[in-house]
Amino acid sequence: MNDYITPNILNVKALDDYLLEITFETKEVKIYNMKKLIQENKIYCNLKNFEYFNKVKPRGDTIEWENGEDVCPEDLYYNSKKIK
């Protein structure tokens, strides 16, 4: 069992260069870089299409796309850079 607690995501917005601006329920706003995941992991190959990448939606404490691609909540929260 994992000891990490991650807040729910209220909003996510795709930015240029495969960055995501994520607003958490804690009111923190962070930037998460998807570029490395997209380049190194086949399950994210659809996200290379920026039109598809832009269709990201929040789902609880994670984010997802239409075909089910998602990112580990701990990765989103702890490996993103706080901007607000």
N, C-alpha and C. Protein backbone atom coordinates (compact mmCIF):
# COMPACT_ATOMS: atom_id res chain seq x y z
N MET A 1 0.83 -1.19 0.00
CA MET A 1 0.00 0.00 0.00
C MET A 1 0.87 1.24 0.00
N ASN A 2 0.41 2.26 -0.67
CA ASN A 2 1.20 3.46 -0.81
C ASN A 2 0.78 4.49 0.24
N ASP A 3 1.75 5.20 0.77
CA ASP A 3 1.52 6.15 1.85
C ASP A 3 1.30 7.57 1.35
N TYR A 4 1.35 7.78 0.07
CA TYR A 4 1.18 9.11 -0.48
C TYR A 4 -0.30 9.48 -0.54
N ILE A 5 -0.58 10.71 -0.23
CA ILE A 5 -1.94 11.23 -0.37
C ILE A 5 -1.86 12.35 -1.39
N THR A 6 -2.69 12.26 -2.40
CA THR A 6 -2.68 13.29 -3.42
C THR A 6 -4.05 13.94 -3.50
N PRO A 7 -4.07 15.27 -3.64
CA PRO A 7 -5.36 15.96 -3.73
C PRO A 7 -6.02 15.74 -5.09
N ASN A 8 -7.33 15.89 -5.12
CA ASN A 8 -8.04 15.81 -6.39
C ASN A 8 -7.68 16.98 -7.29
N ILE A 9 -7.89 16.76 -8.56
CA ILE A 9 -7.57 17.77 -9.57
C ILE A 9 -8.88 18.45 -9.97
N LEU A 10 -8.90 19.76 -9.88
CA LEU A 10 -10.08 20.53 -10.25
C LEU A 10 -10.09 20.89 -11.73
N ASN A 11 -8.91 21.16 -12.26
CA ASN A 11 -8.82 21.59 -13.66
C ASN A 11 -7.46 21.21 -14.23
N VAL A 12 -7.46 20.92 -15.51
CA VAL A 12 -6.19 20.65 -16.22
C VAL A 12 -6.29 21.30 -17.58
N LYS A 13 -5.20 21.93 -17.98
CA LYS A 13 -5.17 22.64 -19.27
C LYS A 13 -3.87 22.28 -19.99
N ALA A 14 -4.00 21.86 -21.24
CA ALA A 14 -2.83 21.54 -22.05
C ALA A 14 -2.17 22.85 -22.50
N LEU A 15 -0.86 22.89 -22.39
CA LEU A 15 -0.07 24.05 -22.83
C LEU A 15 0.86 23.61 -23.95
N ASP A 16 1.54 24.56 -24.54
CA ASP A 16 2.53 24.25 -25.57
C ASP A 16 3.62 23.33 -25.01
N ASP A 17 4.29 22.64 -25.92
CA ASP A 17 5.45 21.80 -25.58
C ASP A 17 5.11 20.65 -24.63
N TYR A 18 3.86 20.15 -24.70
CA TYR A 18 3.40 19.01 -23.91
C TYR A 18 3.49 19.23 -22.40
N LEU A 19 3.18 20.45 -22.01
CA LEU A 19 3.07 20.79 -20.60
C LEU A 19 1.60 20.81 -20.22
N LEU A 20 1.33 20.52 -18.96
CA LEU A 20 -0.02 20.57 -18.44
C LEU A 20 -0.05 21.52 -17.24
N GLU A 21 -1.02 22.40 -17.22
CA GLU A 21 -1.24 23.25 -16.06
C GLU A 21 -2.36 22.60 -15.25
N ILE A 22 -2.04 22.23 -14.03
CA ILE A 22 -2.98 21.46 -13.20
C ILE A 22 -3.34 22.27 -11.96
N THR A 23 -4.64 22.41 -11.71
CA THR A 23 -5.13 23.06 -10.49
C THR A 23 -5.67 21.98 -9.57
N PHE A 24 -5.07 21.91 -8.39
CA PHE A 24 -5.48 20.92 -7.39
C PHE A 24 -6.49 21.51 -6.42
N GLU A 25 -7.22 20.65 -5.72
CA GLU A 25 -8.22 21.12 -4.77
C GLU A 25 -7.61 21.92 -3.63
N THR A 26 -6.32 21.83 -3.45
CA THR A 26 -5.60 22.60 -2.43
C THR A 26 -5.37 24.04 -2.89
N LYS A 27 -5.82 24.37 -4.08
CA LYS A 27 -5.65 25.67 -4.75
C LYS A 27 -4.24 25.84 -5.31
N GLU A 28 -3.40 24.79 -5.21
CA GLU A 28 -2.08 24.85 -5.83
C GLU A 28 -2.25 24.71 -7.34
N VAL A 29 -1.44 25.47 -8.07
CA VAL A 29 -1.41 25.34 -9.53
C VAL A 29 0.01 24.93 -9.88
N LYS A 30 0.12 23.83 -10.62
CA LYS A 30 1.43 23.29 -10.95
C LYS A 30 1.52 23.00 -12.44
N ILE A 31 2.75 22.92 -12.91
CA ILE A 31 3.03 22.57 -14.30
C ILE A 31 3.67 21.18 -14.33
N TYR A 32 3.10 20.30 -15.13
CA TYR A 32 3.62 18.95 -15.29
C TYR A 32 4.07 18.77 -16.73
N ASN A 33 5.28 18.26 -16.91
CA ASN A 33 5.85 18.06 -18.24
C ASN A 33 5.62 16.61 -18.70
N MET A 34 4.85 16.45 -19.76
CA MET A 34 4.53 15.12 -20.30
C MET A 34 5.52 14.66 -21.37
N LYS A 35 6.41 15.52 -21.80
CA LYS A 35 7.26 15.23 -22.96
C LYS A 35 8.02 13.91 -22.83
N LYS A 36 8.66 13.67 -21.69
CA LYS A 36 9.46 12.46 -21.52
C LYS A 36 8.58 11.21 -21.56
N LEU A 37 7.43 11.24 -20.89
CA LEU A 37 6.52 10.09 -20.92
C LEU A 37 6.07 9.79 -22.34
N ILE A 38 5.74 10.83 -23.09
CA ILE A 38 5.26 10.64 -24.46
C ILE A 38 6.36 10.04 -25.34
N GLN A 39 7.58 10.50 -25.16
CA GLN A 39 8.70 10.02 -25.97
C GLN A 39 9.11 8.59 -25.61
N GLU A 40 9.00 8.23 -24.35
CA GLU A 40 9.58 6.96 -23.89
C GLU A 40 8.58 5.83 -23.67
N ASN A 41 7.29 6.11 -23.70
CA ASN A 41 6.32 5.08 -23.35
C ASN A 41 5.27 4.95 -24.45
N LYS A 42 5.17 3.77 -25.02
CA LYS A 42 4.25 3.52 -26.15
C LYS A 42 2.79 3.79 -25.82
N ILE A 43 2.40 3.63 -24.57
CA ILE A 43 0.98 3.84 -24.24
C ILE A 43 0.55 5.29 -24.43
N TYR A 44 1.51 6.19 -24.52
CA TYR A 44 1.19 7.60 -24.71
C TYR A 44 1.37 8.07 -26.16
N CYS A 45 1.52 7.16 -27.10
CA CYS A 45 1.81 7.54 -28.49
C CYS A 45 0.72 8.43 -29.10
N ASN A 46 -0.55 8.24 -28.72
CA ASN A 46 -1.62 9.09 -29.24
C ASN A 46 -1.46 10.55 -28.82
N LEU A 47 -0.77 10.77 -27.71
CA LEU A 47 -0.62 12.13 -27.18
C LEU A 47 0.35 12.96 -28.00
N LYS A 48 1.09 12.33 -28.91
CA LYS A 48 1.96 13.09 -29.81
C LYS A 48 1.14 13.99 -30.71
N ASN A 49 -0.10 13.60 -30.96
CA ASN A 49 -1.03 14.43 -31.73
C ASN A 49 -1.53 15.51 -30.78
N PHE A 50 -1.10 16.76 -31.02
CA PHE A 50 -1.39 17.82 -30.07
C PHE A 50 -2.89 18.10 -29.95
N GLU A 51 -3.64 17.88 -31.01
CA GLU A 51 -5.10 18.06 -30.94
C GLU A 51 -5.69 17.08 -29.92
N TYR A 52 -5.22 15.85 -29.96
CA TYR A 52 -5.66 14.84 -28.99
C TYR A 52 -5.15 15.18 -27.59
N PHE A 53 -3.89 15.59 -27.49
CA PHE A 53 -3.29 15.96 -26.21
C PHE A 53 -4.14 17.02 -25.50
N ASN A 54 -4.68 17.94 -26.26
CA ASN A 54 -5.49 19.03 -25.72
C ASN A 54 -6.80 18.56 -25.10
N LYS A 55 -7.21 17.33 -25.34
CA LYS A 55 -8.49 16.82 -24.84
C LYS A 55 -8.39 16.23 -23.44
N VAL A 56 -7.34 16.53 -22.73
CA VAL A 56 -7.14 16.03 -21.38
C VAL A 56 -8.24 16.55 -20.44
N LYS A 57 -8.65 15.68 -19.51
CA LYS A 57 -9.68 16.02 -18.53
C LYS A 57 -9.26 15.56 -17.14
N PRO A 58 -9.69 16.28 -16.10
CA PRO A 58 -9.43 15.80 -14.74
C PRO A 58 -10.33 14.61 -14.41
N ARG A 59 -9.82 13.73 -13.59
CA ARG A 59 -10.63 12.59 -13.11
C ARG A 59 -10.15 12.22 -11.72
N GLY A 60 -10.81 12.76 -10.71
CA GLY A 60 -10.40 12.51 -9.33
C GLY A 60 -9.03 13.09 -9.05
N ASP A 61 -8.10 12.24 -8.63
CA ASP A 61 -6.76 12.72 -8.34
C ASP A 61 -5.79 12.52 -9.51
N THR A 62 -6.34 12.22 -10.69
CA THR A 62 -5.50 12.06 -11.88
C THR A 62 -6.13 12.80 -13.06
N ILE A 63 -5.56 12.57 -14.22
CA ILE A 63 -6.06 13.13 -15.47
C ILE A 63 -6.19 12.00 -16.46
N GLU A 64 -7.00 12.20 -17.50
CA GLU A 64 -7.09 11.15 -18.51
C GLU A 64 -7.52 11.72 -19.85
N TRP A 65 -7.31 10.89 -20.87
CA TRP A 65 -7.71 11.21 -22.23
C TRP A 65 -8.77 10.21 -22.67
N GLU A 66 -9.38 10.46 -23.82
CA GLU A 66 -10.50 9.66 -24.33
C GLU A 66 -10.22 8.17 -24.42
N ASN A 67 -9.01 7.79 -24.79
CA ASN A 67 -8.68 6.38 -24.96
C ASN A 67 -8.17 5.72 -23.68
N GLY A 68 -8.28 6.42 -22.55
CA GLY A 68 -7.92 5.83 -21.27
C GLY A 68 -6.51 6.11 -20.78
N GLU A 69 -5.72 6.85 -21.53
CA GLU A 69 -4.39 7.18 -21.05
C GLU A 69 -4.54 8.02 -19.78
N ASP A 70 -3.72 7.71 -18.78
CA ASP A 70 -3.72 8.50 -17.56
C ASP A 70 -2.30 8.54 -17.00
N VAL A 71 -2.14 9.27 -15.90
CA VAL A 71 -0.83 9.42 -15.29
C VAL A 71 -1.00 9.16 -13.79
N CYS A 72 -0.04 8.51 -13.19
CA CYS A 72 -0.05 8.20 -11.77
C CYS A 72 -0.28 9.50 -10.96
N PRO A 73 -1.26 9.53 -10.07
CA PRO A 73 -1.53 10.74 -9.30
C PRO A 73 -0.32 11.26 -8.53
N GLU A 74 0.47 10.35 -7.95
CA GLU A 74 1.66 10.77 -7.21
C GLU A 74 2.66 11.47 -8.12
N ASP A 75 2.80 10.97 -9.33
CA ASP A 75 3.71 11.58 -10.29
C ASP A 75 3.23 12.99 -10.65
N LEU A 76 1.95 13.12 -10.90
CA LEU A 76 1.39 14.43 -11.24
C LEU A 76 1.61 15.45 -10.13
N TYR A 77 1.38 15.03 -8.91
CA TYR A 77 1.46 15.96 -7.79
C TYR A 77 2.89 16.25 -7.34
N TYR A 78 3.68 15.20 -7.16
CA TYR A 78 5.01 15.37 -6.58
C TYR A 78 6.09 15.71 -7.61
N ASN A 79 5.85 15.46 -8.89
CA ASN A 79 6.86 15.75 -9.91
C ASN A 79 6.46 16.90 -10.82
N SER A 80 5.61 17.76 -10.33
CA SER A 80 5.26 18.96 -11.09
C SER A 80 5.80 20.17 -10.35
N LYS A 81 5.89 21.28 -11.06
CA LYS A 81 6.46 22.50 -10.49
C LYS A 81 5.34 23.47 -10.13
N LYS A 82 5.37 23.90 -8.88
CA LYS A 82 4.35 24.81 -8.38
C LYS A 82 4.54 26.20 -9.00
N ILE A 83 3.44 26.75 -9.52
CA ILE A 83 3.51 28.11 -10.07
C ILE A 83 2.64 29.09 -9.28
N LYS A 84 1.65 28.59 -8.55
CA LYS A 84 0.79 29.46 -7.72
C LYS A 84 0.51 28.77 -6.40
